[in-house]
PDB file of N, CA and C in Angstrom:
ATOM      1  N   GLY A   1     111.396 130.674   5.447  1.00  0.00           N
ATOM      2  CA  GLY A   1     112.787 131.041   5.093  1.00  0.00           C
ATOM      3  C   GLY A   1     112.839 132.326   5.155  1.00  0.00           C
ATOM      4  N   PRO A   2     113.840 133.154   4.888  1.00  0.00           N
ATOM      5  CA  PRO A   2     113.926 134.392   5.140  1.00  0.00           C
ATOM      6  C   PRO A   2     112.869 135.452   4.388  1.00  0.00           C
ATOM      7  N   VAL A   3     112.418 136.653   5.052  1.00  0.00           N
ATOM      8  CA  VAL A   3     111.373 137.613   4.382  1.00  0.00           C
ATOM      9  C   VAL A   3     111.952 137.858   3.086  1.00  0.00           C
ATOM     10  N   GLU A   4     113.064 138.362   2.847  1.00  0.00           N
ATOM     11  CA  GLU A   4     113.526 138.683   1.515  1.00  0.00           C
ATOM     12  C   GLU A   4     113.496 137.758   0.483  1.00  0.00           C
ATOM     13  N   ASP A   5     113.650 136.178   0.759  1.00  0.00           N
ATOM     14  CA  ASP A   5     113.941 135.375  -0.423  1.00  0.00           C
ATOM     15  C   ASP A   5     112.151 135.346  -0.622  1.00  0.00           C
ATOM     16  N   GLY A   6     111.381 135.415   0.075  1.00  0.00           N
ATOM     17  CA  GLY A   6     109.924 135.378  -0.270  1.00  0.00           C
ATOM     18  C   GLY A   6     109.619 136.783  -1.233  1.00  0.00           C
ATOM     19  N   GLU A   7     110.019 138.007  -0.992  1.00  0.00           N
ATOM     20  CA  GLU A   7     109.697 139.092  -1.388  1.00  0.00           C
ATOM     21  C   GLU A   7     110.651 139.059  -2.823  1.00  0.00           C
ATOM     22  N   ARG A   8     111.415 138.477  -2.825  1.00  0.00           N
ATOM     23  CA  ARG A   8     112.217 138.213  -4.276  1.00  0.00           C
ATOM     24  C   ARG A   8     111.135 137.337  -4.973  1.00  0.00           C
ATOM     25  N   VAL A   9     110.806 136.258  -4.536  1.00  0.00           N
ATOM     26  CA  VAL A   9     110.525 135.325  -5.352  1.00  0.00           C
ATOM     27  C   VAL A   9     108.735 135.800  -5.891  1.00  0.00           C
ATOM     28  N   VAL A  10     108.218 136.452  -5.086  1.00  0.00           N
ATOM     29  CA  VAL A  10     106.643 137.066  -5.228  1.00  0.00           C
ATOM     30  C   VAL A  10     106.803 138.362  -6.197  1.00  0.00           C
ATOM     31  N   ARG A  11     107.973 138.831  -6.039  1.00  0.00           N
ATOM     32  CA  ARG A  11     108.309 140.250  -6.901  1.00  0.00           C
ATOM     33  C   ARG A  11     107.701 140.219  -8.647  1.00  0.00           C
ATOM     34  N   PRO A  12     108.032 139.030  -9.262  1.00  0.00           N
ATOM     35  CA  PRO A  12     107.292 139.127 -10.406  1.00  0.00           C
ATOM     36  C   PRO A  12     106.093 138.990 -10.856  1.00  0.00           C
ATOM     37  N   LEU A  13     105.175 138.230  -9.831  1.00  0.00           N
ATOM     38  CA  LEU A  13     103.849 138.022  -9.709  1.00  0.00           C
ATOM     39  C   LEU A  13     103.226 139.632  -9.703  1.00  0.00           C
ATOM     40  N   LYS A  14     103.828 140.426  -8.621  1.00  0.00           N
ATOM     41  CA  LYS A  14     103.103 141.939  -8.206  1.00  0.00           C
ATOM     42  C   LYS A  14     103.508 142.659  -9.532  1.00  0.00           C
ATOM     43  N   GLU A  15     104.568 142.726  -9.984  1.00  0.00           N
ATOM     44  CA  GLU A  15     105.059 143.288 -11.329  1.00  0.00           C
ATOM     45  C   GLU A  15     104.111 143.021 -12.527  1.00  0.00           C
ATOM     46  N   PHE A  16     103.661 141.663 -12.593  1.00  0.00           N
ATOM     47  CA  PHE A  16     102.519 141.236 -14.010  1.00  0.00           C
ATOM     48  C   PHE A  16     101.573 142.074 -14.154  1.00  0.00           C
ATOM     49  N   GLY A  17     101.140 142.853 -13.170  1.00  0.00           N
ATOM     50  CA  GLY A  17      99.782 143.510 -13.572  1.00  0.00           C
ATOM     51  C   GLY A  17      99.213 144.460 -12.199  1.00  0.00           C
ATOM     52  N   SER A  18      98.146 144.672 -12.351  1.00  0.00           N
ATOM     53  CA  SER A  18      97.781 145.465 -11.138  1.00  0.00           C
ATOM     54  C   SER A  18      96.717 144.543 -10.262  1.00  0.00           C
ATOM     55  N   PRO A  19      97.152 143.877  -9.150  1.00  0.00           N
ATOM     56  CA  PRO A  19      96.210 142.999  -8.484  1.00  0.00           C
ATOM     57  C   PRO A  19      95.247 143.859  -7.940  1.00  0.00           C
ATOM     58  N   VAL A  20      93.983 143.027  -7.721  1.00  0.00           N
ATOM     59  CA  VAL A  20      93.011 143.196  -7.120  1.00  0.00           C
ATOM     60  C   VAL A  20      93.136 143.387  -5.875  1.00  0.00           C
ATOM     61  N   LEU A  21      93.615 142.296  -5.133  1.00  0.00           N
ATOM     62  CA  LEU A  21      93.969 142.201  -3.861  1.00  0.00           C
ATOM     63  C   LEU A  21      95.196 141.753  -3.686  1.00  0.00           C
ATOM     64  N   ASP A  22      96.255 142.377  -2.524  1.00  0.00           N
ATOM     65  CA  ASP A  22      97.424 141.697  -2.411  1.00  0.00           C
ATOM     66  C   ASP A  22      97.509 141.467  -0.887  1.00  0.00           C
ATOM     67  N   PHE A  23      97.538 140.247  -0.640  1.00  0.00           N
ATOM     68  CA  PHE A  23      97.838 139.749   0.942  1.00  0.00           C
ATOM     69  C   PHE A  23      99.121 139.126   1.123  1.00  0.00           C
ATOM     70  N   CYS A  24     100.121 139.329   0.180  1.00  0.00           N
ATOM     71  CA  CYS A  24     101.358 138.667   0.150  1.00  0.00           C
ATOM     72  C   CYS A  24     102.163 139.570   1.099  1.00  0.00           C
ATOM     73  N   GLN A  25     102.397 139.193   2.381  1.00  0.00           N
ATOM     74  CA  GLN A  25     103.148 139.923   3.282  1.00  0.00           C
ATOM     75  C   GLN A  25     103.307 138.980   4.529  1.00  0.00           C
ATOM     76  N   PRO A  26     104.343 138.828   5.153  1.00  0.00           N
ATOM     77  CA  PRO A  26     104.646 138.201   6.359  1.00  0.00           C
ATOM     78  C   PRO A  26     103.643 138.175   7.325  1.00  0.00           C
ATOM     79  N   LYS A  27     102.985 137.117   8.020  1.00  0.00           N
ATOM     80  CA  LYS A  27     102.375 137.250   8.868  1.00  0.00           C
ATOM     81  C   LYS A  27     102.325 135.474   9.400  1.00  0.00           C
ATOM     82  N   PRO A  28     101.892 135.712  10.931  1.00  0.00           N
ATOM     83  CA  PRO A  28     101.885 134.457  11.597  1.00  0.00           C
ATOM     84  C   PRO A  28     100.949 133.495  10.980  1.00  0.00           C
ATOM     85  N   PHE A  29     101.310 132.252  11.048  1.00  0.00           N
ATOM     86  CA  PHE A  29     100.486 130.949  10.293  1.00  0.00           C
ATOM     87  C   PHE A  29      98.739 131.331  11.141  1.00  0.00           C
ATOM     88  N   LEU A  30      98.498 131.522  12.236  1.00  0.00           N
ATOM     89  CA  LEU A  30      97.339 131.378  13.057  1.00  0.00           C
ATOM     90  C   LEU A  30      96.342 132.618  11.955  1.00  0.00           C
ATOM     91  N   GLU A  31      97.191 133.864  11.948  1.00  0.00           N
ATOM     92  CA  GLU A  31      96.615 135.001  11.122  1.00  0.00           C
ATOM     93  C   GLU A  31      96.187 134.360   9.805  1.00  0.00           C
ATOM     94  N   HIS A  32      97.006 133.794   9.025  1.00  0.00           N
ATOM     95  CA  HIS A  32      96.707 133.317   7.826  1.00  0.00           C
ATOM     96  C   HIS A  32      95.513 132.767   7.745  1.00  0.00           C
ATOM     97  N   GLN A  33      95.589 131.444   8.764  1.00  0.00           N
ATOM     98  CA  GLN A  33      94.297 130.678   8.478  1.00  0.00           C
ATOM     99  C   GLN A  33      93.086 131.535   9.122  1.00  0.00           C
ATOM    100  N   LYS A  34      93.029 132.527   9.606  1.00  0.00           N
ATOM    101  CA  LYS A  34      92.120 133.166  10.156  1.00  0.00           C
ATOM    102  C   LYS A  34      91.443 134.110   8.838  1.00  0.00           C
ATOM    103  N   MET A  35      92.136 134.435   7.505  1.00  0.00           N
ATOM    104  CA  MET A  35      91.774 135.342   6.669  1.00  0.00           C
ATOM    105  C   MET A  35      90.392 134.814   6.067  1.00  0.00           C
ATOM    106  N   PHE A  36      89.912 133.464   6.236  1.00  0.00           N
ATOM    107  CA  PHE A  36      88.896 133.204   5.426  1.00  0.00           C
ATOM    108  C   PHE A  36      87.616 132.642   6.599  1.00  0.00           C
ATOM    109  N   ASP A  37      87.722 133.029   7.773  1.00  0.00           N
ATOM    110  CA  ASP A  37      86.696 132.969   8.652  1.00  0.00           C
ATOM    111  C   ASP A  37      85.427 133.692   8.217  1.00  0.00           C
ATOM    112  N   PRO A  38      85.543 134.859   7.697  1.00  0.00           N
ATOM    113  CA  PRO A  38      84.191 135.609   7.592  1.00  0.00           C
ATOM    114  C   PRO A  38      83.589 134.864   6.415  1.00  0.00           C
ATOM    115  N   SER A  39      84.277 133.871   5.570  1.00  0.00           N
ATOM    116  CA  SER A  39      83.597 133.053   4.472  1.00  0.00           C
ATOM    117  C   SER A  39      82.542 132.189   5.115  1.00  0.00           C
ATOM    118  N   PHE A  40      83.126 131.663   6.262  1.00  0.00           N
ATOM    119  CA  PHE A  40      82.552 130.459   6.642  1.00  0.00           C
ATOM    120  C   PHE A  40      81.794 130.688   8.135  1.00  0.00           C
ATOM    121  N   PRO A  41      80.539 131.218   8.148  1.00  0.00           N
ATOM    122  CA  PRO A  41      80.007 131.532   9.418  1.00  0.00           C
ATOM    123  C   PRO A  41      79.656 130.475  10.193  1.00  0.00           C
ATOM    124  N   HIS A  42      79.798 130.686  11.436  1.00  0.00           N
ATOM    125  CA  HIS A  42      79.507 129.549  12.412  1.00  0.00           C
ATOM    126  C   HIS A  42      78.284 129.170  12.336  1.00  0.00           C
ATOM    127  N   GLY A  43      77.737 127.841  12.742  1.00  0.00           N
ATOM    128  CA  GLY A  43      76.684 127.136  12.281  1.00  0.00           C
ATOM    129  C   GLY A  43      76.188 126.583  10.962  1.00  0.00           C
ATOM    130  N   TRP A  44      76.815 126.965   9.680  1.00  0.00           N
ATOM    131  CA  TRP A  44      76.812 126.275   8.733  1.00  0.00           C
ATOM    132  C   TRP A  44      77.487 124.936   8.818  1.00  0.00           C
ATOM    133  N   HIS A  45      77.004 124.063   7.671  1.00  0.00           N
ATOM    134  CA  HIS A  45      77.591 123.036   7.748  1.00  0.00           C
ATOM    135  C   HIS A  45      78.565 123.050   6.427  1.00  0.00           C
ATOM    136  N   TYR A  46      80.000 122.500   6.800  1.00  0.00           N
ATOM    137  CA  TYR A  46      81.076 122.541   5.818  1.00  0.00           C
ATOM    138  C   TYR A  46      81.380 121.198   5.413  1.00  0.00           C
ATOM    139  N   TYR A  47      82.045 120.824   4.362  1.00  0.00           N
ATOM    140  CA  TYR A  47      82.820 119.852   3.862  1.00  0.00           C
ATOM    141  C   TYR A  47      83.975 120.217   3.510  1.00  0.00           C
ATOM    142  N   VAL A  48      85.291 119.882   3.760  1.00  0.00           N
ATOM    143  CA  VAL A  48      86.522 120.185   3.598  1.00  0.00           C
ATOM    144  C   VAL A  48      87.285 119.224   3.308  1.00  0.00           C
ATOM    145  N   ARG A  49      87.934 119.398   2.473  1.00  0.00           N
ATOM    146  CA  ARG A  49      89.020 118.438   1.822  1.00  0.00           C
ATOM    147  C   ARG A  49      90.250 119.104   1.661  1.00  0.00           C
ATOM    148  N   SER A  50      91.474 118.574   1.943  1.00  0.00           N
ATOM    149  CA  SER A  50      92.674 119.017   1.678  1.00  0.00           C
ATOM    150  C   SER A  50      93.697 117.887   1.346  1.00  0.00           C
ATOM    151  N   CYS A  51      94.833 118.094   0.865  1.00  0.00           N
ATOM    152  CA  CYS A  51      95.899 117.532   0.825  1.00  0.00           C
ATOM    153  C   CYS A  51      97.337 118.196   0.576  1.00  0.00           C
ATOM    154  N   ASP A  52      98.409 117.778   0.702  1.00  0.00           N
ATOM    155  CA  ASP A  52      99.996 118.341   0.462  1.00  0.00           C
ATOM    156  C   ASP A  52     100.387 117.824  -0.836  1.00  0.00           C
ATOM    157  N   VAL A  53     101.218 118.815  -1.384  1.00  0.00           N
ATOM    158  CA  VAL A  53     101.600 118.358  -2.591  1.00  0.00           C
ATOM    159  C   VAL A  53     102.929 119.094  -2.501  1.00  0.00           C
ATOM    160  N   ALA A  54     103.961 118.173  -3.107  1.00  0.00           N
ATOM    161  CA  ALA A  54     105.594 118.354  -3.287  1.00  0.00           C
ATOM    162  C   ALA A  54     105.847 119.987  -4.111  1.00  0.00           C
ATOM    163  N   ALA A  55     104.826 119.999  -5.056  1.00  0.00           N
ATOM    164  CA  ALA A  55     105.289 121.002  -5.981  1.00  0.00           C
ATOM    165  C   ALA A  55     103.995 121.326  -6.911  1.00  0.00           C
ATOM    166  N   LEU A  56     103.971 122.609  -7.046  1.00  0.00           N
ATOM    167  CA  LEU A  56     102.750 122.738  -8.195  1.00  0.00           C
ATOM    168  C   LEU A  56     102.875 122.542  -9.679  1.00  0.00           C
ATOM    169  N   SER A  57     102.763 121.236  -9.815  1.00  0.00           N
ATOM    170  CA  SER A  57     102.999 120.514 -11.172  1.00  0.00           C
ATOM    171  C   SER A  57     102.049 120.793 -12.138  1.00  0.00           C
ATOM    172  N   ASP A  58     102.131 120.512 -13.360  1.00  0.00           N
ATOM    173  CA  ASP A  58     101.140 120.906 -14.155  1.00  0.00           C
ATOM    174  C   ASP A  58      99.941 119.705 -14.029  1.00  0.00           C
ATOM    175  N   ASP A  59     100.213 118.602 -13.583  1.00  0.00           N
ATOM    176  CA  ASP A  59      99.323 117.812 -12.909  1.00  0.00           C
ATOM    177  C   ASP A  59      98.517 118.526 -11.836  1.00  0.00           C
ATOM    178  N   VAL A  60      99.023 119.135 -10.752  1.00  0.00           N
ATOM    179  CA  VAL A  60      98.245 119.437  -9.712  1.00  0.00           C
ATOM    180  C   VAL A  60      97.461 120.465 -10.635  1.00  0.00           C
ATOM    181  N   ILE A  61      97.724 121.787 -11.187  1.00  0.00           N
ATOM    182  CA  ILE A  61      97.042 122.643 -11.825  1.00  0.00           C
ATOM    183  C   ILE A  61      95.932 122.068 -12.628  1.00  0.00           C
ATOM    184  N   ASP A  62      96.212 120.895 -13.538  1.00  0.00           N
ATOM    185  CA  ASP A  62      95.181 120.220 -14.271  1.00  0.00           C
ATOM    186  C   ASP A  62      93.695 119.969 -13.067  1.00  0.00           C
ATOM    187  N   VAL A  63      94.400 119.317 -12.190  1.00  0.00           N
ATOM    188  CA  VAL A  63      93.461 118.682 -10.998  1.00  0.00           C
ATOM    189  C   VAL A  63      92.458 119.917 -10.472  1.00  0.00           C
ATOM    190  N   MET A  64      93.280 120.768  -9.993  1.00  0.00           N
ATOM    191  CA  MET A  64      92.364 122.072  -9.641  1.00  0.00           C
ATOM    192  C   MET A  64      91.565 122.707 -10.757  1.00  0.00           C
ATOM    193  N   VAL A  65      91.899 122.873 -11.856  1.00  0.00           N
ATOM    194  CA  VAL A  65      91.128 123.544 -13.054  1.00  0.00           C
ATOM    195  C   VAL A  65      89.793 122.459 -13.086  1.00  0.00           C
ATOM    196  N   GLU A  66      90.104 121.304 -13.337  1.00  0.00           N
ATOM    197  CA  GLU A  66      89.022 120.213 -13.430  1.00  0.00           C
ATOM    198  C   GLU A  66      88.155 120.474 -12.172  1.00  0.00           C
ATOM    199  N   HIS A  67      88.797 120.341 -11.374  1.00  0.00           N
ATOM    200  CA  HIS A  67      87.576 120.649  -9.906  1.00  0.00           C
ATOM    201  C   HIS A  67      86.706 121.951 -10.009  1.00  0.00           C
ATOM    202  N   GLY A  68      87.588 123.045 -10.117  1.00  0.00           N
ATOM    203  CA  GLY A  68      86.718 124.485 -10.489  1.00  0.00           C
ATOM    204  C   GLY A  68      85.907 124.494 -11.441  1.00  0.00           C
ATOM    205  N   ARG A  69      86.126 123.702 -12.585  1.00  0.00           N
ATOM    206  CA  ARG A  69      85.189 123.577 -13.502  1.00  0.00           C
ATOM    207  C   ARG A  69      83.641 122.867 -13.064  1.00  0.00           C
ATOM    208  N   ARG A  70      83.928 122.132 -12.107  1.00  0.00           N
ATOM    209  CA  ARG A  70      82.768 121.397 -11.399  1.00  0.00           C
ATOM    210  C   ARG A  70      82.004 121.999 -10.656  1.00  0.00           C
ATOM    211  N   ILE A  71      82.508 123.398 -10.223  1.00  0.00           N
ATOM    212  CA  ILE A  71      81.429 124.165  -8.871  1.00  0.00           C
ATOM    213  C   ILE A  71      80.493 124.580  -9.631  1.00  0.00           C
ATOM    214  N   VAL A  72      78.961 124.426  -8.530  1.00  0.00           N
ATOM    215  CA  VAL A  72      77.907 124.609  -9.136  1.00  0.00           C
ATOM    216  C   VAL A  72      77.671 125.675  -8.217  1.00  0.00           C
ATOM    217  N   SER A  73      78.072 125.509  -6.714  1.00  0.00           N
ATOM    218  CA  SER A  73      77.241 126.611  -5.665  1.00  0.00           C
ATOM    219  C   SER A  73      78.447 127.834  -5.606  1.00  0.00           C
ATOM    220  N   PRO A  74      77.623 129.262  -5.772  1.00  0.00           N
ATOM    221  CA  PRO A  74      78.538 130.554  -5.609  1.00  0.00           C
ATOM    222  C   PRO A  74      79.557 130.444  -4.438  1.00  0.00           C
ATOM    223  N   ILE A  75      79.042 129.911  -3.099  1.00  0.00           N
ATOM    224  CA  ILE A  75      79.715 129.730  -2.159  1.00  0.00           C
ATOM    225  C   ILE A  75      80.848 128.829  -1.936  1.00  0.00           C
ATOM    226  N   THR A  76      81.129 127.948  -2.958  1.00  0.00           N
ATOM    227  CA  THR A  76      82.260 127.036  -2.899  1.00  0.00           C
ATOM    228  C   THR A  76      83.624 127.648  -3.242  1.00  0.00           C
ATOM    229  N   SER A  77      84.562 127.041  -2.634  1.00  0.00           N
ATOM    230  CA  SER A  77      85.987 127.831  -2.724  1.00  0.00           C
ATOM    231  C   SER A  77      86.726 126.742  -2.974  1.00  0.00           C
ATOM    232  N   ILE A  78      88.093 127.023  -3.490  1.00  0.00           N
ATOM    233  CA  ILE A  78      89.169 126.365  -3.785  1.00  0.00           C
ATOM    234  C   ILE A  78      90.417 127.353  -3.097  1.00  0.00           C
ATOM    235  N   ALA A  79      91.374 126.750  -2.379  1.00  0.00           N
ATOM    236  CA  ALA A  79      92.477 127.545  -1.847  1.00  0.00           C
ATOM    237  C   ALA A  79      93.422 126.801  -2.138  1.00  0.00           C
ATOM    238  N   LEU A  80      94.667 127.627  -2.496  1.00  0.00           N
ATOM    239  CA  LEU A  80      95.980 127.027  -2.741  1.00  0.00           C
ATOM    240  C   LEU A  80      96.751 128.031  -1.949  1.00  0.00           C
ATOM    241  N   TRP A  81      97.426 127.249  -0.527  1.00  0.00           N
ATOM    242  CA  TRP A  81      98.544 127.841   0.228  1.00  0.00           C
ATOM    243  C   TRP A  81      99.711 127.150  -0.292  1.00  0.00           C
ATOM    244  N   GLN A  82     100.502 128.204  -0.338  1.00  0.00           N
ATOM    245  CA  GLN A  82     101.987 127.703  -0.074  1.00  0.00           C
ATOM    246  C   GLN A  82     102.640 127.942   1.188  1.00  0.00           C
ATOM    247  N   MET A  83     103.028 126.766   1.696  1.00  0.00           N
ATOM    248  CA  MET A  83     103.474 126.903   3.023  1.00  0.00           C
ATOM    249  C   MET A  83     105.001 126.817   3.180  1.00  0.00           C
ATOM    250  N   GLY A  84     105.632 126.325   2.271  1.00  0.00           N
ATOM    251  CA  GLY A  84     107.162 126.179   1.879  1.00  0.00           C
ATOM    252  C   GLY A  84     108.116 125.303   3.224  1.00  0.00           C
ATOM    253  N   GLY A  85     107.182 124.355   3.905  1.00  0.00           N
ATOM    254  CA  GLY A  85     107.388 123.912   4.730  1.00  0.00           C
ATOM    255  C   GLY A  85     107.825 124.433   6.087  1.00  0.00           C
ATOM    256  N   ALA A  86     107.027 125.483   6.186  1.00  0.00           N
ATOM    257  CA  ALA A  86     107.054 126.162   7.428  1.00  0.00           C
ATOM    258  C   ALA A  86     106.211 125.747   8.744  1.00  0.00           C
ATOM    259  N   VAL A  87     105.252 124.831   8.317  1.00  0.00           N
ATOM    260  CA  VAL A  87     104.321 124.513   9.427  1.00  0.00           C
ATOM    261  C   VAL A  87     104.836 123.031   9.599  1.00  0.00           C
TER     262      VAL A  87
END
């Protein structure tokens, strides 16, 4: 959608407090994918799972929190990307 719509939706989050990092900006999808490249060095073994969800419902949040609680490795990550149907 229009960049202005995205800025309007994100504005309350940016005004909520002082973010440590703010990567909310228009960017090509490939640039977005490359953001985590430094965290995943070539030659390591990775196990990646993903899924698509229609909405960030309470059930989805509960599942993410539950999985987050079970993380035992300091190099494990959970990412949530809102793609808005653009891909």
